Amino acid sequence: MSITTFRVANLSGTTWRTGSAPAEASVLVFELNAMGLISTVSFTLGMDVVLAAGAASGGQTFPYTVTVQLL
């Protein structure tokens, strides 16, 4: 099993620094505008995955890492 593509949408609490969400990709890097000291920011993270042949039906687990750098 592996994740092949990520996408982000539904940003709330700030805006995209570039004006729009980044394009779908296997690795996403994007910048957000300032969000304030005690603000909450959220977005929806979607992904496409590939399952091994014969994988069991039902829920699957896919590990991924989110790294945040505050400037």
PDB file of N, CA and C in Angstrom:
ATOM      1  N   MET A   1       0.840  -1.172   0.000  1.00  0.00           N
ATOM      2  CA  MET A   1       0.000   0.000   0.000  1.00  0.00           C
ATOM      3  C   MET A   1       0.887   1.237   0.000  1.00  0.00           C
ATOM      4  N   SER A   2       0.497   2.222  -0.758  1.00  0.00           N
ATOM      5  CA  SER A   2       1.253   3.477  -0.764  1.00  0.00           C
ATOM      6  C   SER A   2       0.352   4.631  -1.170  1.00  0.00           C
ATOM      7  N   ILE A   3       0.737   5.802  -0.713  1.00  0.00           N
ATOM      8  CA  ILE A   3       0.040   7.032  -1.086  1.00  0.00           C
ATOM      9  C   ILE A   3       0.712   7.564  -2.348  1.00  0.00           C
ATOM     10  N   THR A   4      -0.075   7.882  -3.365  1.00  0.00           N
ATOM     11  CA  THR A   4       0.503   8.356  -4.622  1.00  0.00           C
ATOM     12  C   THR A   4       0.332   9.852  -4.842  1.00  0.00           C
ATOM     13  N   THR A   5      -0.768  10.423  -4.345  1.00  0.00           N
ATOM     14  CA  THR A   5      -1.049  11.836  -4.588  1.00  0.00           C
ATOM     15  C   THR A   5      -1.753  12.450  -3.377  1.00  0.00           C
ATOM     16  N   PHE A   6      -1.331  13.665  -3.014  1.00  0.00           N
ATOM     17  CA  PHE A   6      -2.003  14.450  -1.978  1.00  0.00           C
ATOM     18  C   PHE A   6      -2.687  15.647  -2.621  1.00  0.00           C
ATOM     19  N   ARG A   7      -3.739  16.132  -1.963  1.00  0.00           N
ATOM     20  CA  ARG A   7      -4.376  17.383  -2.380  1.00  0.00           C
ATOM     21  C   ARG A   7      -4.924  18.073  -1.131  1.00  0.00           C
ATOM     22  N   VAL A   8      -4.964  19.377  -1.141  1.00  0.00           N
ATOM     23  CA  VAL A   8      -5.523  20.128  -0.015  1.00  0.00           C
ATOM     24  C   VAL A   8      -6.679  20.994  -0.497  1.00  0.00           C
ATOM     25  N   ALA A   9      -7.623  21.245   0.408  1.00  0.00           N
ATOM     26  CA  ALA A   9      -8.801  22.047   0.066  1.00  0.00           C
ATOM     27  C   ALA A   9      -9.415  22.584   1.351  1.00  0.00           C
ATOM     28  N   ASN A  10     -10.449  23.389   1.198  1.00  0.00           N
ATOM     29  CA  ASN A  10     -11.256  23.877   2.322  1.00  0.00           C
ATOM     30  C   ASN A  10     -10.424  24.552   3.407  1.00  0.00           C
ATOM     31  N   LEU A  11      -9.515  25.417   3.044  1.00  0.00           N
ATOM     32  CA  LEU A  11      -8.696  26.142   4.014  1.00  0.00           C
ATOM     33  C   LEU A  11      -9.549  27.137   4.780  1.00  0.00           C
ATOM     34  N   SER A  12      -9.413  27.153   6.112  1.00  0.00           N
ATOM     35  CA  SER A  12     -10.108  28.148   6.926  1.00  0.00           C
ATOM     36  C   SER A  12      -9.142  28.697   7.975  1.00  0.00           C
ATOM     37  N   GLY A  13      -9.327  29.960   8.342  1.00  0.00           N
ATOM     38  CA  GLY A  13      -8.509  30.602   9.364  1.00  0.00           C
ATOM     39  C   GLY A  13      -7.371  31.439   8.805  1.00  0.00           C
ATOM     40  N   THR A  14      -7.094  31.330   7.519  1.00  0.00           N
ATOM     41  CA  THR A  14      -6.072  32.130   6.843  1.00  0.00           C
ATOM     42  C   THR A  14      -6.271  31.976   5.336  1.00  0.00           C
ATOM     43  N   THR A  15      -5.314  32.443   4.546  1.00  0.00           N
ATOM     44  CA  THR A  15      -5.390  32.324   3.089  1.00  0.00           C
ATOM     45  C   THR A  15      -4.080  31.764   2.553  1.00  0.00           C
ATOM     46  N   TRP A  16      -4.134  31.242   1.335  1.00  0.00           N
ATOM     47  CA  TRP A  16      -2.933  30.740   0.670  1.00  0.00           C
ATOM     48  C   TRP A  16      -2.047  31.920   0.306  1.00  0.00           C
ATOM     49  N   ARG A  17      -0.771  31.838   0.557  1.00  0.00           N
ATOM     50  CA  ARG A  17       0.148  32.929   0.223  1.00  0.00           C
ATOM     51  C   ARG A  17       0.198  33.167  -1.283  1.00  0.00           C
ATOM     52  N   THR A  18       0.059  32.128  -2.083  1.00  0.00           N
ATOM     53  CA  THR A  18       0.100  32.254  -3.544  1.00  0.00           C
ATOM     54  C   THR A  18      -1.250  32.609  -4.140  1.00  0.00           C
ATOM     55  N   GLY A  19      -2.304  32.659  -3.313  1.00  0.00           N
ATOM     56  CA  GLY A  19      -3.629  33.000  -3.802  1.00  0.00           C
ATOM     57  C   GLY A  19      -4.525  31.801  -4.051  1.00  0.00           C
ATOM     58  N   SER A  20      -3.944  30.607  -4.209  1.00  0.00           N
ATOM     59  CA  SER A  20      -4.766  29.413  -4.420  1.00  0.00           C
ATOM     60  C   SER A  20      -4.048  28.190  -3.862  1.00  0.00           C
ATOM     61  N   ALA A  21      -4.816  27.133  -3.685  1.00  0.00           N
ATOM     62  CA  ALA A  21      -4.252  25.885  -3.158  1.00  0.00           C
ATOM     63  C   ALA A  21      -3.208  25.329  -4.120  1.00  0.00           C
ATOM     64  N   PRO A  22      -2.209  24.609  -3.597  1.00  0.00           N
ATOM     65  CA  PRO A  22      -1.207  24.014  -4.486  1.00  0.00           C
ATOM     66  C   PRO A  22      -1.814  22.899  -5.329  1.00  0.00           C
ATOM     67  N   ALA A  23      -1.201  22.619  -6.460  1.00  0.00           N
ATOM     68  CA  ALA A  23      -1.652  21.529  -7.329  1.00  0.00           C
ATOM     69  C   ALA A  23      -1.429  20.186  -6.637  1.00  0.00           C
ATOM     70  N   GLU A  24      -2.200  19.181  -7.044  1.00  0.00           N
ATOM     71  CA  GLU A  24      -2.009  17.828  -6.528  1.00  0.00           C
ATOM     72  C   GLU A  24      -0.589  17.369  -6.817  1.00  0.00           C
ATOM     73  N   ALA A  25       0.006  16.627  -5.874  1.00  0.00           N
ATOM     74  CA  ALA A  25       1.368  16.133  -6.059  1.00  0.00           C
ATOM     75  C   ALA A  25       1.656  15.019  -5.063  1.00  0.00           C
ATOM     76  N   SER A  26       2.770  14.309  -5.266  1.00  0.00           N
ATOM     77  CA  SER A  26       3.158  13.251  -4.330  1.00  0.00           C
ATOM     78  C   SER A  26       3.757  13.833  -3.055  1.00  0.00           C
ATOM     79  N   VAL A  27       4.253  15.062  -3.129  1.00  0.00           N
ATOM     80  CA  VAL A  27       4.745  15.808  -1.972  1.00  0.00           C
ATOM     81  C   VAL A  27       4.195  17.226  -2.098  1.00  0.00           C
ATOM     82  N   LEU A  28       3.605  17.757  -1.041  1.00  0.00           N
ATOM     83  CA  LEU A  28       3.067  19.114  -1.077  1.00  0.00           C
ATOM     84  C   LEU A  28       3.897  20.034  -0.198  1.00  0.00           C
ATOM     85  N   VAL A  29       4.250  21.183  -0.747  1.00  0.00           N
ATOM     86  CA  VAL A  29       4.897  22.249   0.014  1.00  0.00           C
ATOM     87  C   VAL A  29       4.134  23.521  -0.320  1.00  0.00           C
ATOM     88  N   PHE A  30       3.635  24.220   0.697  1.00  0.00           N
ATOM     89  CA  PHE A  30       2.883  25.443   0.439  1.00  0.00           C
ATOM     90  C   PHE A  30       3.051  26.396   1.602  1.00  0.00           C
ATOM     91  N   GLU A  31       2.759  27.670   1.340  1.00  0.00           N
ATOM     92  CA  GLU A  31       2.861  28.704   2.358  1.00  0.00           C
ATOM     93  C   GLU A  31       1.488  29.331   2.587  1.00  0.00           C
ATOM     94  N   LEU A  32       1.243  29.660   3.855  1.00  0.00           N
ATOM     95  CA  LEU A  32       0.008  30.332   4.232  1.00  0.00           C
ATOM     96  C   LEU A  32       0.337  31.735   4.712  1.00  0.00           C
ATOM     97  N   ASN A  33      -0.601  32.652   4.575  1.00  0.00           N
ATOM     98  CA  ASN A  33      -0.417  33.998   5.111  1.00  0.00           C
ATOM     99  C   ASN A  33      -0.490  33.956   6.634  1.00  0.00           C
ATOM    100  N   ALA A  34      -0.048  35.024   7.265  1.00  0.00           N
ATOM    101  CA  ALA A  34      -0.034  35.105   8.732  1.00  0.00           C
ATOM    102  C   ALA A  34      -1.392  34.731   9.300  1.00  0.00           C
ATOM    103  N   MET A  35      -1.357  34.023  10.440  1.00  0.00           N
ATOM    104  CA  MET A  35      -2.604  33.536  11.013  1.00  0.00           C
ATOM    105  C   MET A  35      -2.893  34.054  12.410  1.00  0.00           C
ATOM    106  N   GLY A  36      -2.032  34.883  12.983  1.00  0.00           N
ATOM    107  CA  GLY A  36      -2.275  35.414  14.316  1.00  0.00           C
ATOM    108  C   GLY A  36      -1.745  34.492  15.404  1.00  0.00           C
ATOM    109  N   LEU A  37      -1.656  35.014  16.620  1.00  0.00           N
ATOM    110  CA  LEU A  37      -1.048  34.268  17.726  1.00  0.00           C
ATOM    111  C   LEU A  37      -1.929  33.170  18.298  1.00  0.00           C
ATOM    112  N   ILE A  38      -3.213  33.401  18.366  1.00  0.00           N
ATOM    113  CA  ILE A  38      -4.088  32.399  18.979  1.00  0.00           C
ATOM    114  C   ILE A  38      -5.187  31.958  18.008  1.00  0.00           C
ATOM    115  N   SER A  39      -4.869  31.910  16.740  1.00  0.00           N
ATOM    116  CA  SER A  39      -5.837  31.512  15.718  1.00  0.00           C
ATOM    117  C   SER A  39      -5.771  30.008  15.458  1.00  0.00           C
ATOM    118  N   THR A  40      -6.840  29.481  14.917  1.00  0.00           N
ATOM    119  CA  THR A  40      -6.887  28.098  14.480  1.00  0.00           C
ATOM    120  C   THR A  40      -6.978  28.072  12.968  1.00  0.00           C
ATOM    121  N   VAL A  41      -6.138  27.263  12.348  1.00  0.00           N
ATOM    122  CA  VAL A  41      -6.151  27.088  10.900  1.00  0.00           C
ATOM    123  C   VAL A  41      -6.417  25.617  10.614  1.00  0.00           C
ATOM    124  N   SER A  42      -7.263  25.346   9.636  1.00  0.00           N
ATOM    125  CA  SER A  42      -7.523  23.957   9.268  1.00  0.00           C
ATOM    126  C   SER A  42      -7.697  23.843   7.757  1.00  0.00           C
ATOM    127  N   PHE A  43      -7.443  22.646   7.236  1.00  0.00           N
ATOM    128  CA  PHE A  43      -7.682  22.356   5.834  1.00  0.00           C
ATOM    129  C   PHE A  43      -7.940  20.859   5.687  1.00  0.00           C
ATOM    130  N   THR A  44      -8.584  20.507   4.596  1.00  0.00           N
ATOM    131  CA  THR A  44      -8.856  19.113   4.289  1.00  0.00           C
ATOM    132  C   THR A  44      -7.688  18.563   3.489  1.00  0.00           C
ATOM    133  N   LEU A  45      -7.186  17.408   3.885  1.00  0.00           N
ATOM    134  CA  LEU A  45      -6.107  16.731   3.169  1.00  0.00           C
ATOM    135  C   LEU A  45      -6.685  15.473   2.547  1.00  0.00           C
ATOM    136  N   GLY A  46      -6.642  15.414   1.225  1.00  0.00           N
ATOM    137  CA  GLY A  46      -7.110  14.228   0.501  1.00  0.00           C
ATOM    138  C   GLY A  46      -5.932  13.494  -0.088  1.00  0.00           C
ATOM    139  N   MET A  47      -6.105  12.213  -0.375  1.00  0.00           N
ATOM    140  CA  MET A  47      -5.007  11.442  -0.952  1.00  0.00           C
ATOM    141  C   MET A  47      -5.531  10.319  -1.832  1.00  0.00           C
ATOM    142  N   ASP A  48      -4.743   9.974  -2.844  1.00  0.00           N
ATOM    143  CA  ASP A  48      -4.989   8.794  -3.669  1.00  0.00           C
ATOM    144  C   ASP A  48      -4.006   7.729  -3.196  1.00  0.00           C
ATOM    145  N   VAL A  49      -4.466   6.493  -3.139  1.00  0.00           N
ATOM    146  CA  VAL A  49      -3.619   5.406  -2.653  1.00  0.00           C
ATOM    147  C   VAL A  49      -3.659   4.231  -3.619  1.00  0.00           C
ATOM    148  N   VAL A  50      -2.625   3.410  -3.545  1.00  0.00           N
ATOM    149  CA  VAL A  50      -2.561   2.167  -4.305  1.00  0.00           C
ATOM    150  C   VAL A  50      -2.517   1.032  -3.300  1.00  0.00           C
ATOM    151  N   LEU A  51      -3.428   0.077  -3.461  1.00  0.00           N
ATOM    152  CA  LEU A  51      -3.465  -1.088  -2.580  1.00  0.00           C
ATOM    153  C   LEU A  51      -2.808  -2.283  -3.264  1.00  0.00           C
ATOM    154  N   ALA A  52      -2.240  -3.152  -2.471  1.00  0.00           N
ATOM    155  CA  ALA A  52      -1.645  -4.376  -3.005  1.00  0.00           C
ATOM    156  C   ALA A  52      -2.747  -5.264  -3.572  1.00  0.00           C
ATOM    157  N   ALA A  53      -2.410  -6.059  -4.566  1.00  0.00           N
ATOM    158  CA  ALA A  53      -3.369  -7.003  -5.136  1.00  0.00           C
ATOM    159  C   ALA A  53      -3.890  -7.914  -4.030  1.00  0.00           C
ATOM    160  N   GLY A  54      -5.184  -8.122  -4.005  1.00  0.00           N
ATOM    161  CA  GLY A  54      -5.771  -9.011  -3.017  1.00  0.00           C
ATOM    162  C   GLY A  54      -5.918  -8.394  -1.634  1.00  0.00           C
ATOM    163  N   ALA A  55      -5.756  -7.073  -1.501  1.00  0.00           N
ATOM    164  CA  ALA A  55      -5.887  -6.415  -0.195  1.00  0.00           C
ATOM    165  C   ALA A  55      -7.296  -6.633   0.347  1.00  0.00           C
ATOM    166  N   ALA A  56      -7.386  -6.758   1.652  1.00  0.00           N
ATOM    167  CA  ALA A  56      -8.675  -6.962   2.297  1.00  0.00           C
ATOM    168  C   ALA A  56      -9.567  -5.733   2.117  1.00  0.00           C
ATOM    169  N   SER A  57     -10.858  -5.969   1.979  1.00  0.00           N
ATOM    170  CA  SER A  57     -11.774  -4.839   1.886  1.00  0.00           C
ATOM    171  C   SER A  57     -11.940  -4.211   3.266  1.00  0.00           C
ATOM    172  N   GLY A  58     -12.424  -2.975   3.284  1.00  0.00           N
ATOM    173  CA  GLY A  58     -12.615  -2.282   4.543  1.00  0.00           C
ATOM    174  C   GLY A  58     -11.582  -1.199   4.749  1.00  0.00           C
ATOM    175  N   GLY A  59     -11.510  -0.698   5.957  1.00  0.00           N
ATOM    176  CA  GLY A  59     -10.600   0.395   6.288  1.00  0.00           C
ATOM    177  C   GLY A  59      -9.139  -0.007   6.171  1.00  0.00           C
ATOM    178  N   GLN A  60      -8.330   0.922   5.723  1.00  0.00           N
ATOM    179  CA  GLN A  60      -6.887   0.722   5.607  1.00  0.00           C
ATOM    180  C   GLN A  60      -6.180   1.865   6.323  1.00  0.00           C
ATOM    181  N   THR A  61      -4.961   1.642   6.773  1.00  0.00           N
ATOM    182  CA  THR A  61      -4.160   2.673   7.436  1.00  0.00           C
ATOM    183  C   THR A  61      -3.008   3.076   6.542  1.00  0.00           C
ATOM    184  N   PHE A  62      -2.782   4.390   6.425  1.00  0.00           N
ATOM    185  CA  PHE A  62      -1.719   4.913   5.589  1.00  0.00           C
ATOM    186  C   PHE A  62      -0.920   5.934   6.376  1.00  0.00           C
ATOM    187  N   PRO A  63       0.326   5.621   6.731  1.00  0.00           N
ATOM    188  CA  PRO A  63       1.124   6.589   7.488  1.00  0.00           C
ATOM    189  C   PRO A  63       1.602   7.730   6.579  1.00  0.00           C
ATOM    190  N   TYR A  64       1.629   8.941   7.113  1.00  0.00           N
ATOM    191  CA  TYR A  64       2.192  10.093   6.420  1.00  0.00           C
ATOM    192  C   TYR A  64       2.660  11.088   7.457  1.00  0.00           C
ATOM    193  N   THR A  65       3.535  12.002   7.057  1.00  0.00           N
ATOM    194  CA  THR A  65       4.112  12.977   7.960  1.00  0.00           C
ATOM    195  C   THR A  65       3.712  14.379   7.536  1.00  0.00           C
ATOM    196  N   VAL A  66       3.331  15.199   8.496  1.00  0.00           N
ATOM    197  CA  VAL A  66       3.064  16.617   8.257  1.00  0.00           C
ATOM    198  C   VAL A  66       4.092  17.416   9.044  1.00  0.00           C
ATOM    199  N   THR A  67       4.841  18.261   8.362  1.00  0.00           N
ATOM    200  CA  THR A  67       5.851  19.102   8.996  1.00  0.00           C
ATOM    201  C   THR A  67       5.424  20.548   8.847  1.00  0.00           C
ATOM    202  N   VAL A  68       5.477  21.298   9.931  1.00  0.00           N
ATOM    203  CA  VAL A  68       5.074  22.705   9.918  1.00  0.00           C
ATOM    204  C   VAL A  68       6.249  23.546  10.383  1.00  0.00           C
ATOM    205  N   GLN A  69       6.538  24.595   9.644  1.00  0.00           N
ATOM    206  CA  GLN A  69       7.585  25.538  10.030  1.00  0.00           C
ATOM    207  C   GLN A  69       6.931  26.900  10.227  1.00  0.00           C
ATOM    208  N   LEU A  70       7.025  27.426  11.433  1.00  0.00           N
ATOM    209  CA  LEU A  70       6.470  28.740  11.732  1.00  0.00           C
ATOM    210  C   LEU A  70       7.591  29.774  11.671  1.00  0.00           C
ATOM    211  N   LEU A  71       7.393  30.813  10.884  1.00  0.00           N
ATOM    212  CA  LEU A  71       8.411  31.847  10.708  1.00  0.00           C
ATOM    213  C   LEU A  71       8.001  33.122  11.391  1.00  0.00           C
TER     214      LEU A  71
END
